[in-house]
Amino acid sequence: MTEAGGPGLPPPRKRYAWRAGQGFWTVAVGVPAVFSVMRLWVEAGGELQTTLLLVANVGPINLMAALFTTATRLVTTGLVAVFALGAVLAVSTGDRPRRPPLFARWYVMAPPWFLAGLFAIALAAWQIIYLPLLAVAAVAVFQRELAMLEWPRWRWAATIGVALAGYGWLVAPTVLQAWRIGELFAVALLVVPPVLALGVSGPLPRWLVRPTAALAQPGIAVVLLVAAVPVVLTPVLPMTVTTVATPAGVPEEVRGHVISTDDVNTVILQERGGVRYIDNDAIEARVLCPTAEELVRYRLRVREFHVEDSLLGALGRRVRPMTPVSAVCRIPT
């Protein structure tokens, strides 16, 4: 006997999950590829020949590595937001609607190992100042697993009390310093999320579920598109300043991104645009320079870790402390 879905088709609910799964993996695989092409196109200044030159010299492994290191925060932020909202909608709808919201279906389909890995990557890649937001999302995403523990109230109260006390010991000096210097946004990021985490779990009122899904789902997509603009504009190639000898005897500083180097020439994509081929014999020195996006904004630290570093970045600075920026990196552009 054939099921309600018809011959060769899964039942309606399985069909919806199958379609949602197709959409999820299409986004997960297609978006990085589109971002990679867009980044090369933008970095080439929109010129076709320069774009083809970059495509020919920037290998897919290097491109994906550059995309991973610069877009990991955006991707994990998007997925964490999707699954946090999806978890709240899934708990709020339960088995009542025949077709739950899209994010709720994605949350139901996501295996626990995927969610745990996502939060582990976000914990390592997010800036320390934004990690408290991850606690709010974790409580929302894993609220079903937490409910299955069936602890008595005294045990929950003791666990929450110990967690809040440890968190307070960790960030209290940073919060006081931020308050003294007037960094109220940093104070809010460090103080408000732990309070929200105490009440983020549980279902929404039934009348609020559909409006929340209708507004929040496209809202998250729009916010991610806006946040993706800086990622697209981030250079794929490292920024360098190359000192080149000239016939006049006055060295020339060429600021740009090194595309390739062979036995004869070094190809540089100049910061002001255009590709320049430089004879290797004329190169006197080359310095690696930071970009403007790498400059810090806050002078705050959480137990010796700068708040704008990720945990991986902070550990990396202990292995290789940052050296002073060379003076040639400050030449006018």
Protein backbone atom coordinates (compact mmCIF):
# COMPACT_ATOMS: atom_id res chain seq x y z
CA MET A 1 0.00 0.00 0.00
CA THR A 2 1.44 3.36 -1.03
CA GLU A 3 1.75 6.12 1.49
CA ALA A 4 0.02 9.49 1.33
CA GLY A 5 2.96 11.00 -0.46
CA GLY A 6 2.23 9.04 -3.64
CA PRO A 7 4.28 6.43 -5.51
CA GLY A 8 8.00 7.01 -5.16
CA LEU A 9 7.57 10.02 -2.88
CA PRO A 10 8.13 10.22 0.85
CA PRO A 11 5.26 11.05 3.18
CA PRO A 12 4.44 14.77 3.47
CA ARG A 13 6.42 15.42 6.66
CA LYS A 14 9.45 13.50 5.42
CA ARG A 15 9.17 15.30 2.09
CA TYR A 16 9.28 18.68 3.85
CA ALA A 17 12.36 17.60 5.82
CA TRP A 18 13.98 16.32 2.63
CA ARG A 19 13.36 19.62 0.85
CA ALA A 20 14.64 21.61 3.83
CA GLY A 21 17.73 19.41 3.91
CA GLN A 22 18.38 20.07 0.24
CA GLY A 23 18.07 23.80 0.83
CA PHE A 24 20.37 23.70 3.85
CA TRP A 25 23.19 21.81 2.13
CA THR A 26 22.80 23.91 -1.03
CA VAL A 27 23.37 27.01 1.08
CA ALA A 28 26.22 25.39 3.05
CA VAL A 29 28.11 24.40 -0.11
CA GLY A 30 27.05 27.08 -2.59
CA VAL A 31 27.52 30.19 -0.47
CA PRO A 32 31.29 29.65 0.15
CA ALA A 33 31.85 29.10 -3.58
CA VAL A 34 29.95 32.27 -4.48
CA PHE A 35 31.82 34.23 -1.80
CA SER A 36 35.16 33.03 -3.17
CA VAL A 37 34.39 34.19 -6.70
CA MET A 38 32.99 37.50 -5.46
CA ARG A 39 36.08 38.16 -3.35
CA LEU A 40 38.41 37.56 -6.28
CA TRP A 41 36.29 39.79 -8.50
CA VAL A 42 36.21 42.61 -5.96
CA GLU A 43 39.93 42.33 -5.24
CA ALA A 44 40.64 42.49 -8.97
CA GLY A 45 38.83 45.82 -9.13
CA GLY A 46 36.10 44.37 -11.33
CA GLU A 47 38.51 43.83 -14.23
CA LEU A 48 38.05 40.58 -16.11
CA GLN A 49 41.70 39.97 -17.02
CA THR A 50 42.89 40.65 -13.48
CA THR A 51 40.19 38.34 -12.14
CA LEU A 52 41.33 35.58 -14.48
CA LEU A 53 44.93 36.15 -13.36
CA LEU A 54 43.91 35.76 -9.72
CA VAL A 55 41.87 32.65 -10.48
CA ALA A 56 44.87 31.13 -12.28
CA ASN A 57 47.28 31.78 -9.39
CA VAL A 58 45.14 31.47 -6.27
CA GLY A 59 44.58 27.75 -5.78
CA PRO A 60 41.27 26.44 -4.46
CA ILE A 61 42.90 25.16 -1.26
CA ASN A 62 44.48 28.56 -0.55
CA LEU A 63 41.22 30.29 -1.42
CA MET A 64 39.18 28.08 0.90
CA ALA A 65 41.79 28.51 3.64
CA ALA A 66 41.57 32.30 3.29
CA LEU A 67 37.79 32.11 3.23
CA PHE A 68 37.75 29.87 6.30
CA THR A 69 39.99 32.14 8.36
CA THR A 70 38.06 35.31 7.48
CA ALA A 71 34.48 34.05 7.12
CA THR A 72 34.34 31.52 9.96
CA ARG A 73 32.88 34.10 12.33
CA LEU A 74 30.18 35.12 9.87
CA VAL A 75 29.23 31.54 8.99
CA THR A 76 29.15 30.35 12.58
CA THR A 77 27.21 33.46 13.64
CA GLY A 78 24.62 32.80 10.95
CA LEU A 79 24.27 29.12 11.82
CA VAL A 80 24.12 29.79 15.56
CA ALA A 81 21.39 32.40 15.03
CA VAL A 82 19.46 30.06 12.72
CA PHE A 83 19.57 27.11 15.10
CA ALA A 84 18.85 29.22 18.20
CA LEU A 85 15.73 30.68 16.60
CA GLY A 86 14.86 27.29 15.13
CA ALA A 87 15.10 25.64 18.56
CA VAL A 88 12.77 28.23 20.11
CA LEU A 89 10.27 27.82 17.25
CA ALA A 90 10.49 24.03 17.39
CA VAL A 91 9.81 23.98 21.13
CA SER A 92 6.99 26.49 20.67
CA THR A 93 5.23 24.62 17.86
CA GLY A 94 5.85 21.02 18.93
CA ASP A 95 3.76 18.64 16.84
CA ARG A 96 0.83 21.02 16.37
CA PRO A 97 1.44 22.53 12.91
CA ARG A 98 1.58 20.33 9.87
CA ARG A 99 4.44 22.35 8.42
CA PRO A 100 6.62 24.05 11.05
CA PRO A 101 8.77 27.10 10.21
CA LEU A 102 11.85 26.55 8.07
CA PHE A 103 14.39 27.22 10.82
CA ALA A 104 12.55 24.82 13.12
CA ARG A 105 12.84 22.08 10.49
CA TRP A 106 16.56 22.78 10.08
CA TYR A 107 17.01 22.55 13.84
CA VAL A 108 15.14 19.24 14.04
CA MET A 109 17.23 17.77 11.22
CA ALA A 110 20.61 18.89 12.60
CA PRO A 111 22.38 16.01 14.40
CA PRO A 112 23.70 16.72 17.92
CA TRP A 113 27.33 16.24 16.81
CA PHE A 114 26.89 18.98 14.19
CA LEU A 115 25.46 21.42 16.74
CA ALA A 116 28.21 20.60 19.25
CA GLY A 117 30.90 21.06 16.59
CA LEU A 118 29.35 24.35 15.49
CA PHE A 119 29.47 25.77 19.02
CA ALA A 120 33.02 24.49 19.51
CA ILE A 121 34.19 26.28 16.34
CA ALA A 122 32.34 29.44 17.36
CA LEU A 123 33.92 29.29 20.82
CA ALA A 124 37.37 29.19 19.25
CA ALA A 125 36.76 31.71 16.43
CA TRP A 126 34.51 34.41 17.91
CA GLN A 127 36.02 37.48 19.50
CA ILE A 128 36.10 37.14 23.27
CA ILE A 129 33.84 40.15 23.77
CA TYR A 130 31.02 38.37 21.89
CA LEU A 131 31.36 34.97 23.60
CA PRO A 132 28.64 35.77 26.21
CA LEU A 133 26.12 35.83 23.34
CA LEU A 134 27.14 32.26 22.59
CA ALA A 135 25.94 31.23 26.06
CA VAL A 136 22.45 32.58 25.29
CA ALA A 137 22.33 30.71 21.99
CA ALA A 138 23.62 27.49 23.61
CA VAL A 139 20.84 27.55 26.22
CA ALA A 140 18.26 28.04 23.46
CA VAL A 141 19.67 25.33 21.18
CA PHE A 142 20.25 22.67 23.85
CA GLN A 143 17.21 23.39 26.00
CA ARG A 144 15.63 20.01 25.20
CA GLU A 145 18.78 18.19 26.28
CA LEU A 146 18.92 20.29 29.45
CA ALA A 147 15.28 19.50 30.20
CA MET A 148 16.01 15.77 29.92
CA LEU A 149 18.40 15.97 32.90
CA GLU A 150 15.42 16.22 35.31
CA TRP A 151 17.50 17.76 38.08
CA PRO A 152 15.82 19.01 41.26
CA ARG A 153 15.51 22.75 41.68
CA TRP A 154 18.23 22.98 44.31
CA ARG A 155 20.72 21.37 41.95
CA TRP A 156 19.81 23.74 39.10
CA ALA A 157 20.07 26.72 41.45
CA ALA A 158 23.48 25.60 42.72
CA THR A 159 24.80 24.98 39.20
CA ILE A 160 23.57 28.35 37.92
CA GLY A 161 24.94 30.10 40.99
CA VAL A 162 28.39 28.56 40.57
CA ALA A 163 28.40 29.38 36.82
CA LEU A 164 27.42 33.01 37.43
CA ALA A 165 29.98 33.37 40.23
CA GLY A 166 32.75 32.00 38.04
CA TYR A 167 31.72 34.24 35.16
CA GLY A 168 31.62 37.26 37.46
CA TRP A 169 35.12 36.52 38.75
CA LEU A 170 36.32 36.24 35.14
CA VAL A 171 34.88 39.46 33.71
CA ALA A 172 34.34 41.75 36.73
CA PRO A 173 37.65 43.66 36.32
CA THR A 174 36.98 44.12 32.61
CA VAL A 175 33.44 45.37 33.23
CA LEU A 176 34.66 47.89 35.81
CA GLN A 177 37.37 49.14 33.50
CA ALA A 178 34.92 49.46 30.58
CA TRP A 179 32.50 51.38 32.82
CA ARG A 180 35.20 53.80 33.93
CA ILE A 181 36.28 54.66 30.39
CA GLY A 182 32.69 54.90 29.10
CA GLU A 183 32.60 51.79 26.89
CA LEU A 184 28.93 51.09 27.61
CA PHE A 185 28.51 48.79 24.61
CA ALA A 186 31.25 46.54 25.94
CA VAL A 187 29.62 46.59 29.37
CA ALA A 188 26.30 45.50 27.85
CA LEU A 189 27.93 42.69 25.87
CA LEU A 190 29.57 41.31 28.99
CA VAL A 191 26.68 41.74 31.45
CA VAL A 192 23.35 41.39 29.62
CA PRO A 193 23.72 37.97 27.85
CA PRO A 194 24.18 35.90 31.05
CA VAL A 195 20.95 37.44 32.39
CA LEU A 196 19.10 36.68 29.15
CA ALA A 197 20.37 33.10 29.21
CA LEU A 198 18.34 32.49 32.37
CA GLY A 199 15.04 33.10 30.57
CA VAL A 200 15.65 32.30 26.91
CA SER A 201 14.49 28.67 27.08
CA GLY A 202 10.87 27.55 26.87
CA PRO A 203 8.09 27.97 24.31
CA LEU A 204 6.75 31.24 23.00
CA PRO A 205 3.05 32.06 23.31
CA ARG A 206 1.12 30.38 20.50
CA TRP A 207 -0.06 33.68 19.01
CA LEU A 208 3.55 34.92 18.78
CA VAL A 209 5.06 31.93 16.95
CA ARG A 210 3.99 32.71 13.40
CA PRO A 211 4.78 36.47 13.53
CA THR A 212 8.19 35.68 15.04
CA ALA A 213 8.96 33.20 12.27
CA ALA A 214 7.68 35.54 9.57
CA LEU A 215 9.79 38.48 10.79
CA ALA A 216 12.87 36.88 12.34
CA GLN A 217 13.72 34.40 9.58
CA PRO A 218 14.03 36.97 6.75
CA GLY A 219 15.48 39.45 9.26
CA ILE A 220 18.39 37.11 10.04
CA ALA A 221 18.98 36.61 6.32
CA VAL A 222 19.11 40.39 5.71
CA VAL A 223 21.47 40.97 8.65
CA LEU A 224 23.79 38.25 7.40
CA LEU A 225 23.83 39.73 3.90
CA VAL A 226 24.79 43.12 5.32
CA ALA A 227 27.44 41.53 7.54
CA ALA A 228 28.80 39.61 4.54
CA VAL A 229 29.85 42.81 2.75
CA PRO A 230 33.06 43.29 4.82
CA VAL A 231 33.90 39.62 4.30
CA VAL A 232 33.60 40.01 0.53
CA LEU A 233 35.83 43.09 0.68
CA THR A 234 38.50 41.37 2.78
CA PRO A 235 41.62 40.67 0.68
CA VAL A 236 42.43 37.09 -0.21
CA LEU A 237 46.14 37.79 -0.65
CA PRO A 238 48.46 39.18 2.05
CA MET A 239 49.22 42.89 2.06
CA THR A 240 52.92 43.72 1.52
CA VAL A 241 55.16 46.69 0.82
CA THR A 242 57.94 45.83 -1.60
CA THR A 243 61.03 48.06 -1.86
CA VAL A 244 62.14 48.26 -5.50
CA ALA A 245 65.40 49.77 -6.77
CA THR A 246 65.02 52.38 -9.54
CA PRO A 247 67.51 53.72 -12.14
CA ALA A 248 67.45 57.09 -10.36
CA GLY A 249 68.80 55.47 -7.23
CA VAL A 250 65.74 56.36 -5.13
CA PRO A 251 63.98 53.22 -3.80
CA GLU A 252 60.28 52.90 -4.64
CA GLU A 253 57.79 51.42 -2.20
CA VAL A 254 55.17 49.32 -3.98
CA ARG A 255 52.18 48.61 -1.77
CA GLY A 256 49.93 45.74 -2.79
CA HIS A 257 49.23 42.01 -2.77
CA VAL A 258 51.70 39.48 -4.14
CA ILE A 259 49.90 37.26 -6.67
CA SER A 260 52.78 35.01 -7.68
CA THR A 261 56.57 34.78 -7.80
CA ASP A 262 58.76 32.85 -10.25
CA ASP A 263 62.44 32.82 -11.18
CA VAL A 264 62.14 36.08 -13.13
CA ASN A 265 59.27 38.27 -11.94
CA THR A 266 57.10 38.98 -8.93
CA VAL A 267 53.50 39.87 -9.82
CA ILE A 268 51.88 42.39 -7.48
CA LEU A 269 48.27 43.55 -7.46
CA GLN A 270 48.74 47.19 -6.45
CA GLU A 271 46.55 48.68 -3.75
CA ARG A 272 45.43 51.49 -6.06
CA GLY A 273 44.62 49.01 -8.80
CA GLY A 274 46.48 47.46 -11.68
CA VAL A 275 48.93 44.57 -11.92
CA ARG A 276 52.67 45.20 -11.87
CA TYR A 277 55.44 42.80 -12.89
CA ILE A 278 58.67 43.51 -10.98
CA ASP A 279 62.05 42.03 -11.82
CA ASN A 280 63.26 39.96 -8.87
CA ASP A 281 66.75 41.46 -9.18
CA ALA A 282 65.30 44.92 -8.48
CA ILE A 283 63.59 43.89 -5.23
CA GLU A 284 65.53 45.07 -2.18
CA ALA A 285 63.10 44.18 0.61
CA ARG A 286 59.54 43.16 1.33
CA VAL A 287 57.50 43.73 4.51
CA LEU A 288 54.22 42.10 5.54
CA CYS A 289 51.73 44.74 6.69
CA PRO A 290 48.41 44.61 8.60
CA THR A 291 45.22 45.94 7.05
CA ALA A 292 43.03 48.67 8.54
CA GLU A 293 40.48 46.07 9.69
CA GLU A 294 43.07 44.50 11.98
CA LEU A 295 43.47 47.63 14.10
CA VAL A 296 42.03 47.23 17.59
CA ARG A 297 39.21 49.38 18.96
CA TYR A 298 39.09 48.52 22.67
CA ARG A 299 41.84 48.64 25.28
CA LEU A 300 40.16 45.98 27.37
CA ARG A 301 41.43 42.59 28.46
CA VAL A 302 39.77 39.60 30.08
CA ARG A 303 42.38 37.99 32.30
CA GLU A 304 45.27 39.01 30.02
CA PHE A 305 43.38 38.18 26.80
CA HIS A 306 42.45 41.12 24.59
CA VAL A 307 38.67 41.26 24.10
CA GLU A 308 38.98 41.60 20.31
CA ASP A 309 41.06 38.44 20.01
CA SER A 310 39.53 35.03 19.56
CA LEU A 311 40.69 32.24 21.84
CA LEU A 312 42.77 30.87 18.98
CA GLY A 313 44.17 34.33 18.26
CA ALA A 314 44.99 34.92 21.92
CA LEU A 315 46.82 31.60 22.15
CA GLY A 316 48.63 32.42 18.91
CA ARG A 317 49.85 35.74 20.31
CA ARG A 318 51.39 33.87 23.23
CA VAL A 319 53.33 31.70 20.80
CA ARG A 320 54.25 34.56 18.42
CA PRO A 321 53.86 37.96 20.13
CA MET A 322 52.93 40.75 17.74
CA THR A 323 55.94 42.70 16.48
CA PRO A 324 55.91 46.48 15.90
CA VAL A 325 54.52 47.52 12.53
CA SER A 326 57.20 48.60 10.08
CA ALA A 327 57.34 52.27 9.15
CA VAL A 328 56.97 51.46 5.45
CA CYS A 329 53.51 50.09 6.16
CA ARG A 330 52.41 53.63 6.98
CA ILE A 331 53.27 55.17 3.61
CA PRO A 332 50.37 57.13 2.10
CA THR A 333 48.09 55.11 -0.18
